[in-house]
C-alpha cells in the first residue's frame, strides 16, 4: 500500500506500519485529539505557560509506537509518504 491508501484507514481507527521500518512492533495510529479541549495537567501547563486545569485544545494527530515501547507524536517523512510498503496491523 502507499500512504494515500493508508491515510483513510488511519482515520477509520486502523493501525499501520511500514515493512521497511527497522524496529519491531512499531506502528502509527491517528489520535482524535481534544478539539473541545481538555484540562491541562501540571506538565502541559508549565510547558505552555498556562495554569493547571486551563482548557487545552488539541487537533487530531498521528502517534507512533516506537520499537522500545515508547510513544511520540509523528509526522511522516518524504520517504514514508512515497513508500509503497505500508501495511495495516490486524
Protein backbone atom coordinates (compact mmCIF):
# COMPACT_ATOMS: atom_id res chain seq x y z
CA UNK A 1 0.00 0.00 0.00
CA UNK A 2 1.02 3.61 -0.39
CA UNK A 3 0.40 6.46 2.06
CA UNK A 4 -2.59 7.75 0.09
CA UNK A 5 -4.27 4.37 0.62
CA UNK A 6 -3.36 4.01 4.28
CA UNK A 7 -4.34 7.52 5.45
CA UNK A 8 -8.12 6.95 5.16
CA UNK A 9 -7.70 3.69 7.07
CA UNK A 10 -5.82 5.50 9.85
CA UNK A 11 -8.73 7.95 10.02
CA UNK A 12 -11.04 4.95 10.49
CA UNK A 13 -9.03 3.83 13.52
CA UNK A 14 -6.71 1.25 11.93
CA UNK A 15 -3.05 0.84 12.88
CA UNK A 16 -0.45 0.99 10.10
CA UNK A 17 3.22 0.17 9.73
CA UNK A 18 5.89 0.07 7.08
CA UNK A 19 7.60 -3.22 6.41
CA UNK A 20 10.74 -1.18 5.68
CA UNK A 21 10.99 0.13 9.25
CA UNK A 22 13.84 -1.44 11.21
CA UNK A 23 12.18 -1.56 14.63
CA UNK A 24 9.93 -4.44 15.61
CA UNK A 25 6.48 -3.64 16.96
CA UNK A 26 6.38 -0.12 15.52
CA UNK A 27 3.10 1.24 14.16
CA UNK A 28 1.21 4.50 13.64
CA UNK A 29 -2.29 5.45 14.78
CA UNK A 30 -4.45 8.56 14.43
CA UNK A 31 -5.29 10.17 17.73
CA UNK A 32 -8.57 12.07 17.83
CA UNK A 33 -7.08 14.93 19.85
CA UNK A 34 -9.27 17.09 22.07
CA UNK A 35 -10.96 19.62 19.76
CA UNK A 36 -13.32 20.70 22.56
CA UNK A 37 -10.42 20.90 24.99
CA UNK A 38 -9.13 19.01 27.99
CA UNK A 39 -7.95 20.36 31.33
CA UNK A 40 -4.19 20.58 31.19
CA UNK A 41 -2.07 18.79 33.72
CA UNK A 42 0.90 20.33 35.51
CA UNK A 43 3.44 19.31 32.85
CA UNK A 44 1.39 20.79 29.99
CA UNK A 45 0.63 23.94 31.95
CA UNK A 46 4.32 24.53 32.66
CA UNK A 47 5.33 23.84 29.04
CA UNK A 48 2.80 26.32 27.63
CA UNK A 49 2.84 28.90 30.43
CA UNK A 50 -0.76 28.11 31.39
CA UNK A 51 -2.45 27.35 34.67
CA UNK A 52 -3.01 23.76 35.66
CA UNK A 53 -6.63 22.98 34.79
CA UNK A 54 -6.85 25.53 31.94
CA UNK A 55 -8.62 24.26 28.85
CA UNK A 56 -6.13 22.94 26.29
CA UNK A 57 -7.40 22.25 22.77
CA UNK A 58 -5.59 19.68 20.63
CA UNK A 59 -6.25 18.92 16.96
CA UNK A 60 -6.11 15.30 15.74
CA UNK A 61 -2.58 13.99 15.22
CA UNK A 62 -0.62 10.89 14.31
CA UNK A 63 1.19 8.94 17.01
CA UNK A 64 3.85 6.26 16.66
CA UNK A 65 4.66 3.33 18.92
CA UNK A 66 8.43 3.04 18.84
CA UNK A 67 10.45 -0.17 18.98
CA UNK A 68 11.33 0.49 22.65
CA UNK A 69 7.65 0.70 23.61
CA UNK A 70 7.51 4.48 23.96
CA UNK A 71 5.06 6.68 22.05
CA UNK A 72 5.51 10.02 20.30
CA UNK A 73 3.65 12.39 18.02
CA UNK A 74 4.64 11.50 14.47
CA UNK A 75 4.94 13.29 11.14
CA UNK A 76 5.68 11.19 8.04
CA UNK A 77 8.96 11.76 6.26
CA UNK A 78 9.18 12.20 2.50
CA UNK A 79 10.28 8.56 2.37
CA UNK A 80 7.19 7.49 4.32
CA UNK A 81 4.85 9.49 2.08
CA UNK A 82 6.21 7.95 -1.13
CA UNK A 83 6.81 4.43 0.22
CA UNK A 84 4.84 1.50 -1.21
CA UNK A 85 5.38 -0.87 1.75
CA UNK A 86 2.59 0.29 4.10
CA UNK A 87 0.56 -2.42 5.80
CA UNK A 88 -2.43 -2.45 8.12
CA UNK A 89 -1.87 -4.09 11.51
CA UNK A 90 -4.56 -6.66 12.18
